[in-house]
């Protein structure tokens, strides 16, 4: 299964996400659009970078990465973001994310 939201990168892989700040809980909500991004709800408000920090903290724990290995490559102030996951194999990230998506 090809995941449009995840692509190989010379330093690891990139992950396209659509963030929903101010949610009741932080969690992966499913695919966004035609599967071009993963929709992730975060409890933090979209103020002073708090939602971005919550997103990075959540993904670092979920994917077993340090916070410093996840950076926002594009879309820092918008809801649609492209994250660079340094040192993470795209196949490993895909397996982890697809198992969460399948669990619903």
PDB file of N, CA and C in Angstrom:
ATOM      1  N   UNK A   1       0.843  -1.185   0.000  1.00  0.00           N
ATOM      2  CA  UNK A   1       0.000   0.000   0.000  1.00  0.00           C
ATOM      3  C   UNK A   1       0.888   1.248   0.000  1.00  0.00           C
ATOM      4  N   UNK A   2       0.661   2.127  -0.923  1.00  0.00           N
ATOM      5  CA  UNK A   2       1.437   3.361  -1.009  1.00  0.00           C
ATOM      6  C   UNK A   2       0.756   4.436  -0.171  1.00  0.00           C
ATOM      7  N   UNK A   3       1.527   5.123   0.629  1.00  0.00           N
ATOM      8  CA  UNK A   3       1.001   6.173   1.473  1.00  0.00           C
ATOM      9  C   UNK A   3       1.504   7.513   0.956  1.00  0.00           C
ATOM     10  N   UNK A   4       0.608   8.303   0.375  1.00  0.00           N
ATOM     11  CA  UNK A   4       0.994   9.593  -0.194  1.00  0.00           C
ATOM     12  C   UNK A   4       1.495  10.561   0.875  1.00  0.00           C
ATOM     13  N   UNK A   5       1.093  10.356   2.118  1.00  0.00           N
ATOM     14  CA  UNK A   5       1.478  11.253   3.208  1.00  0.00           C
ATOM     15  C   UNK A   5       2.917  11.041   3.680  1.00  0.00           C
ATOM     16  N   UNK A   6       3.555   9.961   3.222  1.00  0.00           N
ATOM     17  CA  UNK A   6       4.893   9.613   3.683  1.00  0.00           C
ATOM     18  C   UNK A   6       5.807   9.412   2.491  1.00  0.00           C
ATOM     19  N   UNK A   7       6.964  10.073   2.516  1.00  0.00           N
ATOM     20  CA  UNK A   7       7.916   9.965   1.408  1.00  0.00           C
ATOM     21  C   UNK A   7       9.337   9.804   1.935  1.00  0.00           C
ATOM     22  N   UNK A   8      10.125   9.080   1.167  1.00  0.00           N
ATOM     23  CA  UNK A   8      11.547   8.933   1.493  1.00  0.00           C
ATOM     24  C   UNK A   8      12.228  10.296   1.358  1.00  0.00           C
ATOM     25  N   UNK A   9      13.249  10.522   2.166  1.00  0.00           N
ATOM     26  CA  UNK A   9      14.047  11.746   2.117  1.00  0.00           C
ATOM     27  C   UNK A   9      15.485  11.340   2.379  1.00  0.00           C
ATOM     28  N   UNK A  10      16.430  12.087   1.869  1.00  0.00           N
ATOM     29  CA  UNK A  10      17.840  11.717   2.046  1.00  0.00           C
ATOM     30  C   UNK A  10      18.260  11.628   3.509  1.00  0.00           C
ATOM     31  N   UNK A  11      17.568  12.348   4.398  1.00  0.00           N
ATOM     32  CA  UNK A  11      17.892  12.319   5.827  1.00  0.00           C
ATOM     33  C   UNK A  11      16.936  11.471   6.654  1.00  0.00           C
ATOM     34  N   UNK A  12      16.003  10.790   6.009  1.00  0.00           N
ATOM     35  CA  UNK A  12      15.004   9.988   6.721  1.00  0.00           C
ATOM     36  C   UNK A  12      13.746   9.888   5.880  1.00  0.00           C
ATOM     37  N   UNK A  13      12.670  10.557   6.334  1.00  0.00           N
ATOM     38  CA  UNK A  13      11.446  10.603   5.549  1.00  0.00           C
ATOM     39  C   UNK A  13      10.661  11.857   5.904  1.00  0.00           C
ATOM     40  N   UNK A  14       9.694  12.200   5.060  1.00  0.00           N
ATOM     41  CA  UNK A  14       8.823  13.336   5.336  1.00  0.00           C
ATOM     42  C   UNK A  14       7.411  12.820   5.575  1.00  0.00           C
ATOM     43  N   UNK A  15       6.698  13.507   6.430  1.00  0.00           N
ATOM     44  CA  UNK A  15       5.336  13.154   6.788  1.00  0.00           C
ATOM     45  C   UNK A  15       4.456  14.383   6.634  1.00  0.00           C
ATOM     46  N   UNK A  16       3.400  14.256   5.839  1.00  0.00           N
ATOM     47  CA  UNK A  16       2.439  15.344   5.666  1.00  0.00           C
ATOM     48  C   UNK A  16       1.326  15.158   6.696  1.00  0.00           C
ATOM     49  N   UNK A  17       1.033  16.210   7.450  1.00  0.00           N
ATOM     50  CA  UNK A  17      -0.010  16.142   8.473  1.00  0.00           C
ATOM     51  C   UNK A  17      -0.962  17.324   8.352  1.00  0.00           C
ATOM     52  N   UNK A  18      -2.171  17.104   8.817  1.00  0.00           N
ATOM     53  CA  UNK A  18      -3.174  18.156   8.955  1.00  0.00           C
ATOM     54  C   UNK A  18      -3.506  18.204  10.440  1.00  0.00           C
ATOM     55  N   UNK A  19      -3.225  19.320  11.088  1.00  0.00           N
ATOM     56  CA  UNK A  19      -3.351  19.436  12.534  1.00  0.00           C
ATOM     57  C   UNK A  19      -4.678  20.087  12.915  1.00  0.00           C
ATOM     58  N   UNK A  20      -5.298  19.530  13.942  1.00  0.00           N
ATOM     59  CA  UNK A  20      -6.520  20.102  14.523  1.00  0.00           C
ATOM     60  C   UNK A  20      -6.193  20.493  15.967  1.00  0.00           C
ATOM     61  N   UNK A  21      -5.808  21.751  16.197  1.00  0.00           N
ATOM     62  CA  UNK A  21      -5.458  22.181  17.560  1.00  0.00           C
ATOM     63  C   UNK A  21      -6.704  22.369  18.431  1.00  0.00           C
ATOM     64  N   UNK A  22      -6.490  22.355  19.746  1.00  0.00           N
ATOM     65  CA  UNK A  22      -7.581  22.596  20.685  1.00  0.00           C
ATOM     66  C   UNK A  22      -8.551  21.432  20.811  1.00  0.00           C
ATOM     67  N   UNK A  23      -8.121  20.237  20.518  1.00  0.00           N
ATOM     68  CA  UNK A  23      -8.987  19.056  20.579  1.00  0.00           C
ATOM     69  C   UNK A  23      -9.098  18.542  22.018  1.00  0.00           C
ATOM     70  N   UNK A  24     -10.051  17.647  22.253  1.00  0.00           N
ATOM     71  CA  UNK A  24     -10.226  17.058  23.579  1.00  0.00           C
ATOM     72  C   UNK A  24      -9.065  16.148  23.953  1.00  0.00           C
ATOM     73  N   UNK A  25      -8.481  15.458  22.957  1.00  0.00           N
ATOM     74  CA  UNK A  25      -7.332  14.601  23.219  1.00  0.00           C
ATOM     75  C   UNK A  25      -6.394  14.627  22.020  1.00  0.00           C
ATOM     76  N   UNK A  26      -5.146  14.294  22.267  1.00  0.00           N
ATOM     77  CA  UNK A  26      -4.153  14.230  21.207  1.00  0.00           C
ATOM     78  C   UNK A  26      -4.164  12.821  20.643  1.00  0.00           C
ATOM     79  N   UNK A  27      -4.430  12.717  19.337  1.00  0.00           N
ATOM     80  CA  UNK A  27      -4.523  11.401  18.708  1.00  0.00           C
ATOM     81  C   UNK A  27      -4.529  11.532  17.197  1.00  0.00           C
ATOM     82  N   UNK A  28      -4.191  10.428  16.531  1.00  0.00           N
ATOM     83  CA  UNK A  28      -4.333  10.353  15.078  1.00  0.00           C
ATOM     84  C   UNK A  28      -5.805  10.096  14.787  1.00  0.00           C
ATOM     85  N   UNK A  29      -6.386  10.946  13.955  1.00  0.00           N
ATOM     86  CA  UNK A  29      -7.811  10.877  13.681  1.00  0.00           C
ATOM     87  C   UNK A  29      -8.133  10.129  12.386  1.00  0.00           C
ATOM     88  N   UNK A  30      -7.131   9.931  11.538  1.00  0.00           N
ATOM     89  CA  UNK A  30      -7.354   9.248  10.263  1.00  0.00           C
ATOM     90  C   UNK A  30      -6.621   9.962   9.150  1.00  0.00           C
ATOM     91  N   UNK A  31      -7.064   9.685   7.939  1.00  0.00           N
ATOM     92  CA  UNK A  31      -6.461  10.326   6.770  1.00  0.00           C
ATOM     93  C   UNK A  31      -7.203  11.612   6.457  1.00  0.00           C
ATOM     94  N   UNK A  32      -6.493  12.563   5.890  1.00  0.00           N
ATOM     95  CA  UNK A  32      -7.081  13.829   5.483  1.00  0.00           C
ATOM     96  C   UNK A  32      -7.173  13.865   3.968  1.00  0.00           C
ATOM     97  N   UNK A  33      -8.311  14.306   3.461  1.00  0.00           N
ATOM     98  CA  UNK A  33      -8.508  14.409   2.011  1.00  0.00           C
ATOM     99  C   UNK A  33      -8.463  13.047   1.349  1.00  0.00           C
ATOM    100  N   UNK A  34      -7.708  12.956   0.289  1.00  0.00           N
ATOM    101  CA  UNK A  34      -7.564  11.707  -0.465  1.00  0.00           C
ATOM    102  C   UNK A  34      -6.371  10.895   0.029  1.00  0.00           C
ATOM    103  N   UNK A  35      -6.013  11.082   1.282  1.00  0.00           N
ATOM    104  CA  UNK A  35      -4.883  10.358   1.851  1.00  0.00           C
ATOM    105  C   UNK A  35      -3.557  11.069   1.670  1.00  0.00           C
ATOM    106  N   UNK A  36      -3.623  12.369   1.329  1.00  0.00           N
ATOM    107  CA  UNK A  36      -2.377  13.109   1.138  1.00  0.00           C
ATOM    108  C   UNK A  36      -1.756  13.557   2.461  1.00  0.00           C
ATOM    109  N   UNK A  37      -2.483  13.401   3.571  1.00  0.00           N
ATOM    110  CA  UNK A  37      -1.954  13.771   4.881  1.00  0.00           C
ATOM    111  C   UNK A  37      -2.633  12.935   5.961  1.00  0.00           C
ATOM    112  N   UNK A  38      -1.974  12.855   7.105  1.00  0.00           N
ATOM    113  CA  UNK A  38      -2.540  12.214   8.299  1.00  0.00           C
ATOM    114  C   UNK A  38      -3.165  13.331   9.132  1.00  0.00           C
ATOM    115  N   UNK A  39      -4.397  13.143   9.587  1.00  0.00           N
ATOM    116  CA  UNK A  39      -5.041  14.136  10.435  1.00  0.00           C
ATOM    117  C   UNK A  39      -4.733  13.798  11.889  1.00  0.00           C
ATOM    118  N   UNK A  40      -4.137  14.779  12.587  1.00  0.00           N
ATOM    119  CA  UNK A  40      -3.767  14.595  13.987  1.00  0.00           C
ATOM    120  C   UNK A  40      -4.388  15.714  14.817  1.00  0.00           C
ATOM    121  N   UNK A  41      -5.138  15.321  15.837  1.00  0.00           N
ATOM    122  CA  UNK A  41      -5.714  16.279  16.770  1.00  0.00           C
ATOM    123  C   UNK A  41      -4.742  16.449  17.933  1.00  0.00           C
ATOM    124  N   UNK A  42      -4.552  17.689  18.366  1.00  0.00           N
ATOM    125  CA  UNK A  42      -3.708  17.967  19.534  1.00  0.00           C
ATOM    126  C   UNK A  42      -4.500  18.816  20.529  1.00  0.00           C
ATOM    127  N   UNK A  43      -4.288  18.559  21.804  1.00  0.00           N
ATOM    128  CA  UNK A  43      -4.996  19.299  22.844  1.00  0.00           C
ATOM    129  C   UNK A  43      -4.554  20.749  22.933  1.00  0.00           C
ATOM    130  N   UNK A  44      -3.316  21.008  22.621  1.00  0.00           N
ATOM    131  CA  UNK A  44      -2.762  22.353  22.772  1.00  0.00           C
ATOM    132  C   UNK A  44      -3.438  23.349  21.833  1.00  0.00           C
ATOM    133  N   UNK A  45      -3.560  24.595  22.276  1.00  0.00           N
ATOM    134  CA  UNK A  45      -4.129  25.631  21.418  1.00  0.00           C
ATOM    135  C   UNK A  45      -3.115  26.101  20.371  1.00  0.00           C
ATOM    136  N   UNK A  46      -3.609  26.716  19.297  1.00  0.00           N
ATOM    137  CA  UNK A  46      -2.704  27.193  18.232  1.00  0.00           C
ATOM    138  C   UNK A  46      -2.080  28.551  18.576  1.00  0.00           C
ATOM    139  N   UNK A  47      -1.555  28.671  19.772  1.00  0.00           N
ATOM    140  CA  UNK A  47      -0.970  29.928  20.227  1.00  0.00           C
ATOM    141  C   UNK A  47       0.502  29.748  20.553  1.00  0.00           C
ATOM    142  N   UNK A  48       1.322  30.677  20.098  1.00  0.00           N
ATOM    143  CA  UNK A  48       2.737  30.728  20.447  1.00  0.00           C
ATOM    144  C   UNK A  48       3.472  29.414  20.209  1.00  0.00           C
ATOM    145  N   UNK A  49       3.082  28.673  19.181  1.00  0.00           N
ATOM    146  CA  UNK A  49       3.767  27.434  18.836  1.00  0.00           C
ATOM    147  C   UNK A  49       3.433  26.241  19.717  1.00  0.00           C
ATOM    148  N   UNK A  50       2.456  26.380  20.599  1.00  0.00           N
ATOM    149  CA  UNK A  50       2.115  25.292  21.517  1.00  0.00           C
ATOM    150  C   UNK A  50       1.580  24.066  20.779  1.00  0.00           C
ATOM    151  N   UNK A  51       0.759  24.265  19.753  1.00  0.00           N
ATOM    152  CA  UNK A  51       0.231  23.125  18.994  1.00  0.00           C
ATOM    153  C   UNK A  51       1.351  22.417  18.238  1.00  0.00           C
ATOM    154  N   UNK A  52       2.286  23.177  17.689  1.00  0.00           N
ATOM    155  CA  UNK A  52       3.427  22.575  16.991  1.00  0.00           C
ATOM    156  C   UNK A  52       4.265  21.740  17.949  1.00  0.00           C
ATOM    157  N   UNK A  53       4.527  22.264  19.139  1.00  0.00           N
ATOM    158  CA  UNK A  53       5.314  21.531  20.129  1.00  0.00           C
ATOM    159  C   UNK A  53       4.588  20.260  20.568  1.00  0.00           C
ATOM    160  N   UNK A  54       3.275  20.355  20.751  1.00  0.00           N
ATOM    161  CA  UNK A  54       2.488  19.176  21.138  1.00  0.00           C
ATOM    162  C   UNK A  54       2.514  18.123  20.030  1.00  0.00           C
ATOM    163  N   UNK A  55       2.440  18.566  18.790  1.00  0.00           N
ATOM    164  CA  UNK A  55       2.497  17.653  17.650  1.00  0.00           C
ATOM    165  C   UNK A  55       3.840  16.928  17.615  1.00  0.00           C
ATOM    166  N   UNK A  56       4.925  17.665  17.758  1.00  0.00           N
ATOM    167  CA  UNK A  56       6.263  17.073  17.725  1.00  0.00           C
ATOM    168  C   UNK A  56       6.459  16.117  18.899  1.00  0.00           C
ATOM    169  N   UNK A  57       6.003  16.506  20.086  1.00  0.00           N
ATOM    170  CA  UNK A  57       6.133  15.641  21.262  1.00  0.00           C
ATOM    171  C   UNK A  57       5.354  14.340  21.062  1.00  0.00           C
ATOM    172  N   UNK A  58       4.146  14.442  20.533  1.00  0.00           N
ATOM    173  CA  UNK A  58       3.310  13.255  20.300  1.00  0.00           C
ATOM    174  C   UNK A  58       3.959  12.317  19.289  1.00  0.00           C
ATOM    175  N   UNK A  59       4.402  12.870  18.163  1.00  0.00           N
ATOM    176  CA  UNK A  59       5.013  12.028  17.132  1.00  0.00           C
ATOM    177  C   UNK A  59       6.344  11.439  17.573  1.00  0.00           C
ATOM    178  N   UNK A  60       7.118  12.177  18.355  1.00  0.00           N
ATOM    179  CA  UNK A  60       8.399  11.638  18.813  1.00  0.00           C
ATOM    180  C   UNK A  60       8.167  10.418  19.700  1.00  0.00           C
ATOM    181  N   UNK A  61       7.179  10.490  20.562  1.00  0.00           N
ATOM    182  CA  UNK A  61       6.855   9.348  21.432  1.00  0.00           C
ATOM    183  C   UNK A  61       6.301   8.183  20.612  1.00  0.00           C
ATOM    184  N   UNK A  62       5.408   8.488  19.700  1.00  0.00           N
ATOM    185  CA  UNK A  62       4.762   7.465  18.873  1.00  0.00           C
ATOM    186  C   UNK A  62       5.755   6.724  17.980  1.00  0.00           C
ATOM    187  N   UNK A  63       6.697   7.464  17.405  1.00  0.00           N
ATOM    188  CA  UNK A  63       7.638   6.885  16.443  1.00  0.00           C
ATOM    189  C   UNK A  63       8.995   6.532  17.048  1.00  0.00           C
ATOM    190  N   UNK A  64       9.183   6.798  18.325  1.00  0.00           N
ATOM    191  CA  UNK A  64      10.443   6.464  18.981  1.00  0.00           C
ATOM    192  C   UNK A  64      11.610   7.336  18.554  1.00  0.00           C
ATOM    193  N   UNK A  65      11.345   8.608  18.318  1.00  0.00           N
ATOM    194  CA  UNK A  65      12.369   9.564  17.899  1.00  0.00           C
ATOM    195  C   UNK A  65      12.591  10.602  18.987  1.00  0.00           C
ATOM    196  N   UNK A  66      13.741  11.256  18.952  1.00  0.00           N
ATOM    197  CA  UNK A  66      13.944  12.399  19.838  1.00  0.00           C
ATOM    198  C   UNK A  66      13.196  13.587  19.237  1.00  0.00           C
ATOM    199  N   UNK A  67      12.816  14.516  20.085  1.00  0.00           N
ATOM    200  CA  UNK A  67      12.110  15.699  19.586  1.00  0.00           C
ATOM    201  C   UNK A  67      12.949  16.479  18.581  1.00  0.00           C
ATOM    202  N   UNK A  68      14.257  16.502  18.805  1.00  0.00           N
ATOM    203  CA  UNK A  68      15.140  17.264  17.924  1.00  0.00           C
ATOM    204  C   UNK A  68      15.273  16.641  16.535  1.00  0.00           C
ATOM    205  N   UNK A  69      14.869  15.388  16.373  1.00  0.00           N
ATOM    206  CA  UNK A  69      14.956  14.750  15.052  1.00  0.00           C
ATOM    207  C   UNK A  69      13.708  15.002  14.212  1.00  0.00           C
ATOM    208  N   UNK A  70      12.723  15.713  14.764  1.00  0.00           N
ATOM    209  CA  UNK A  70      11.511  16.074  14.017  1.00  0.00           C
ATOM    210  C   UNK A  70      11.481  17.581  13.852  1.00  0.00           C
ATOM    211  N   UNK A  71      11.438  18.026  12.596  1.00  0.00           N
ATOM    212  CA  UNK A  71      11.338  19.460  12.333  1.00  0.00           C
ATOM    213  C   UNK A  71      10.208  19.727  11.347  1.00  0.00           C
ATOM    214  N   UNK A  72       9.663  20.920  11.437  1.00  0.00           N
ATOM    215  CA  UNK A  72       8.621  21.328  10.504  1.00  0.00           C
ATOM    216  C   UNK A  72       9.321  21.957   9.306  1.00  0.00           C
ATOM    217  N   UNK A  73       9.266  21.258   8.175  1.00  0.00           N
ATOM    218  CA  UNK A  73       9.932  21.729   6.964  1.00  0.00           C
ATOM    219  C   UNK A  73       9.094  22.762   6.226  1.00  0.00           C
ATOM    220  N   UNK A  74       7.767  22.664   6.385  1.00  0.00           N
ATOM    221  CA  UNK A  74       6.871  23.580   5.673  1.00  0.00           C
ATOM    222  C   UNK A  74       5.558  23.678   6.452  1.00  0.00           C
ATOM    223  N   UNK A  75       4.998  24.878   6.524  1.00  0.00           N
ATOM    224  CA  UNK A  75       3.680  25.070   7.115  1.00  0.00           C
ATOM    225  C   UNK A  75       3.660  25.310   8.610  1.00  0.00           C
ATOM    226  N   UNK A  76       4.693  25.913   9.145  1.00  0.00           N
ATOM    227  CA  UNK A  76       4.773  26.100  10.589  1.00  0.00           C
ATOM    228  C   UNK A  76       3.580  26.853  11.169  1.00  0.00           C
ATOM    229  N   UNK A  77       3.046  27.821  10.441  1.00  0.00           N
ATOM    230  CA  UNK A  77       1.936  28.599  10.988  1.00  0.00           C
ATOM    231  C   UNK A  77       0.567  28.167  10.457  1.00  0.00           C
ATOM    232  N   UNK A  78       0.530  27.150   9.614  1.00  0.00           N
ATOM    233  CA  UNK A  78      -0.743  26.672   9.083  1.00  0.00           C
ATOM    234  C   UNK A  78      -1.125  25.331   9.667  1.00  0.00           C
ATOM    235  N   UNK A  79      -2.292  24.852   9.277  1.00  0.00           N
ATOM    236  CA  UNK A  79      -2.746  23.543   9.764  1.00  0.00           C
ATOM    237  C   UNK A  79      -2.124  22.392   8.987  1.00  0.00           C
ATOM    238  N   UNK A  80      -1.807  22.616   7.721  1.00  0.00           N
ATOM    239  CA  UNK A  80      -1.181  21.586   6.908  1.00  0.00           C
ATOM    240  C   UNK A  80       0.329  21.761   6.995  1.00  0.00           C
ATOM    241  N   UNK A  81       1.016  20.703   7.399  1.00  0.00           N
ATOM    242  CA  UNK A  81       2.454  20.785   7.641  1.00  0.00           C
ATOM    243  C   UNK A  81       3.180  19.628   6.969  1.00  0.00           C
ATOM    244  N   UNK A  82       4.435  19.858   6.659  1.00  0.00           N
ATOM    245  CA  UNK A  82       5.318  18.805   6.171  1.00  0.00           C
ATOM    246  C   UNK A  82       6.438  18.678   7.192  1.00  0.00           C
ATOM    247  N   UNK A  83       6.525  17.508   7.807  1.00  0.00           N
ATOM    248  CA  UNK A  83       7.521  17.267   8.845  1.00  0.00           C
ATOM    249  C   UNK A  83       8.660  16.428   8.297  1.00  0.00           C
ATOM    250  N   UNK A  84       9.871  16.764   8.689  1.00  0.00           N
ATOM    251  CA  UNK A  84      11.033  15.955   8.358  1.00  0.00           C
ATOM    252  C   UNK A  84      11.351  15.109   9.575  1.00  0.00           C
ATOM    253  N   UNK A  85      11.355  13.790   9.374  1.00  0.00           N
ATOM    254  CA  UNK A  85      11.651  12.836  10.443  1.00  0.00           C
ATOM    255  C   UNK A  85      13.046  12.295  10.185  1.00  0.00           C
ATOM    256  N   UNK A  86      14.039  12.897  10.808  1.00  0.00           N
ATOM    257  CA  UNK A  86      15.433  12.511  10.572  1.00  0.00           C
ATOM    258  C   UNK A  86      15.750  11.159  11.193  1.00  0.00           C
ATOM    259  N   UNK A  87      16.435  10.348  10.403  1.00  0.00           N
ATOM    260  CA  UNK A  87      16.896   9.054  10.897  1.00  0.00           C
ATOM    261  C   UNK A  87      15.838   7.980  10.959  1.00  0.00           C
ATOM    262  N   UNK A  88      14.663   8.233  10.399  1.00  0.00           N
ATOM    263  CA  UNK A  88      13.585   7.245  10.427  1.00  0.00           C
ATOM    264  C   UNK A  88      13.350   6.696   9.039  1.00  0.00           C
ATOM    265  N   UNK A  89      13.386   5.402   8.931  1.00  0.00           N
ATOM    266  CA  UNK A  89      13.114   4.715   7.677  1.00  0.00           C
ATOM    267  C   UNK A  89      11.624   4.864   7.349  1.00  0.00           C
ATOM    268  N   UNK A  90      11.293   5.211   6.113  1.00  0.00           N
ATOM    269  CA  UNK A  90       9.901   5.405   5.713  1.00  0.00           C
ATOM    270  C   UNK A  90       9.076   4.133   5.886  1.00  0.00           C
ATOM    271  N   UNK A  91       9.677   2.972   5.662  1.00  0.00           N
ATOM    272  CA  UNK A  91       8.949   1.712   5.814  1.00  0.00           C
ATOM    273  C   UNK A  91       8.541   1.495   7.272  1.00  0.00           C
ATOM    274  N   UNK A  92       9.434   1.822   8.191  1.00  0.00           N
ATOM    275  CA  UNK A  92       9.117   1.685   9.616  1.00  0.00           C
ATOM    276  C   UNK A  92       8.007   2.655  10.013  1.00  0.00           C
ATOM    277  N   UNK A  93       8.120   3.908   9.579  1.00  0.00           N
ATOM    278  CA  UNK A  93       7.094   4.913   9.875  1.00  0.00           C
ATOM    279  C   UNK A  93       5.755   4.495   9.291  1.00  0.00           C
ATOM    280  N   UNK A  94       5.765   4.005   8.063  1.00  0.00           N
ATOM    281  CA  UNK A  94       4.533   3.569   7.392  1.00  0.00           C
ATOM    282  C   UNK A  94       3.868   2.436   8.177  1.00  0.00           C
ATOM    283  N   UNK A  95       4.654   1.451   8.607  1.00  0.00           N
ATOM    284  CA  UNK A  95       4.104   0.315   9.356  1.00  0.00           C
ATOM    285  C   UNK A  95       3.460   0.784  10.665  1.00  0.00           C
ATOM    286  N   UNK A  96       4.142   1.673  11.372  1.00  0.00           N
ATOM    287  CA  UNK A  96       3.616   2.182  12.635  1.00  0.00           C
ATOM    288  C   UNK A  96       2.324   2.963  12.417  1.00  0.00           C
ATOM    289  N   UNK A  97       2.338   3.885  11.472  1.00  0.00           N
ATOM    290  CA  UNK A  97       1.161   4.733  11.233  1.00  0.00           C
ATOM    291  C   UNK A  97      -0.009   3.932  10.670  1.00  0.00           C
ATOM    292  N   UNK A  98       0.263   3.002   9.780  1.00  0.00           N
ATOM    293  CA  UNK A  98      -0.835   2.211   9.213  1.00  0.00           C
ATOM    294  C   UNK A  98      -1.467   1.277  10.239  1.00  0.00           C
ATOM    295  N   UNK A  99      -0.676   0.808  11.208  1.00  0.00           N
ATOM    296  CA  UNK A  99      -1.275  -0.034  12.247  1.00  0.00           C
ATOM    297  C   UNK A  99      -2.204   0.801  13.130  1.00  0.00           C
ATOM    298  N   UNK A 100      -1.842   2.058  13.390  1.00  0.00           N
ATOM    299  CA  UNK A 100      -2.705   2.951  14.162  1.00  0.00           C
ATOM    300  C   UNK A 100      -3.966   3.289  13.365  1.00  0.00           C
ATOM    301  N   UNK A 101      -3.806   3.569  12.081  1.00  0.00           N
ATOM    302  CA  UNK A 101      -4.962   3.882  11.244  1.00  0.00           C
ATOM    303  C   UNK A 101      -5.909   2.695  11.132  1.00  0.00           C
ATOM    304  N   UNK A 102      -5.359   1.486  11.026  1.00  0.00           N
ATOM    305  CA  UNK A 102      -6.185   0.288  10.903  1.00  0.00           C
ATOM    306  C   UNK A 102      -6.952   0.010  12.183  1.00  0.00           C
ATOM    307  N   UNK A 103      -6.351   0.368  13.323  1.00  0.00           N
ATOM    308  CA  UNK A 103      -7.017   0.146  14.609  1.00  0.00           C
ATOM    309  C   UNK A 103      -8.189   1.100  14.802  1.00  0.00           C
ATOM    310  N   UNK A 104      -8.148   2.194  14.030  1.00  0.00           N
ATOM    311  CA  UNK A 104      -9.261   3.131  14.008  1.00  0.00           C
ATOM    312  C   UNK A 104      -9.371   4.004  15.183  1.00  0.00           C
TER     313      UNK A 104
END
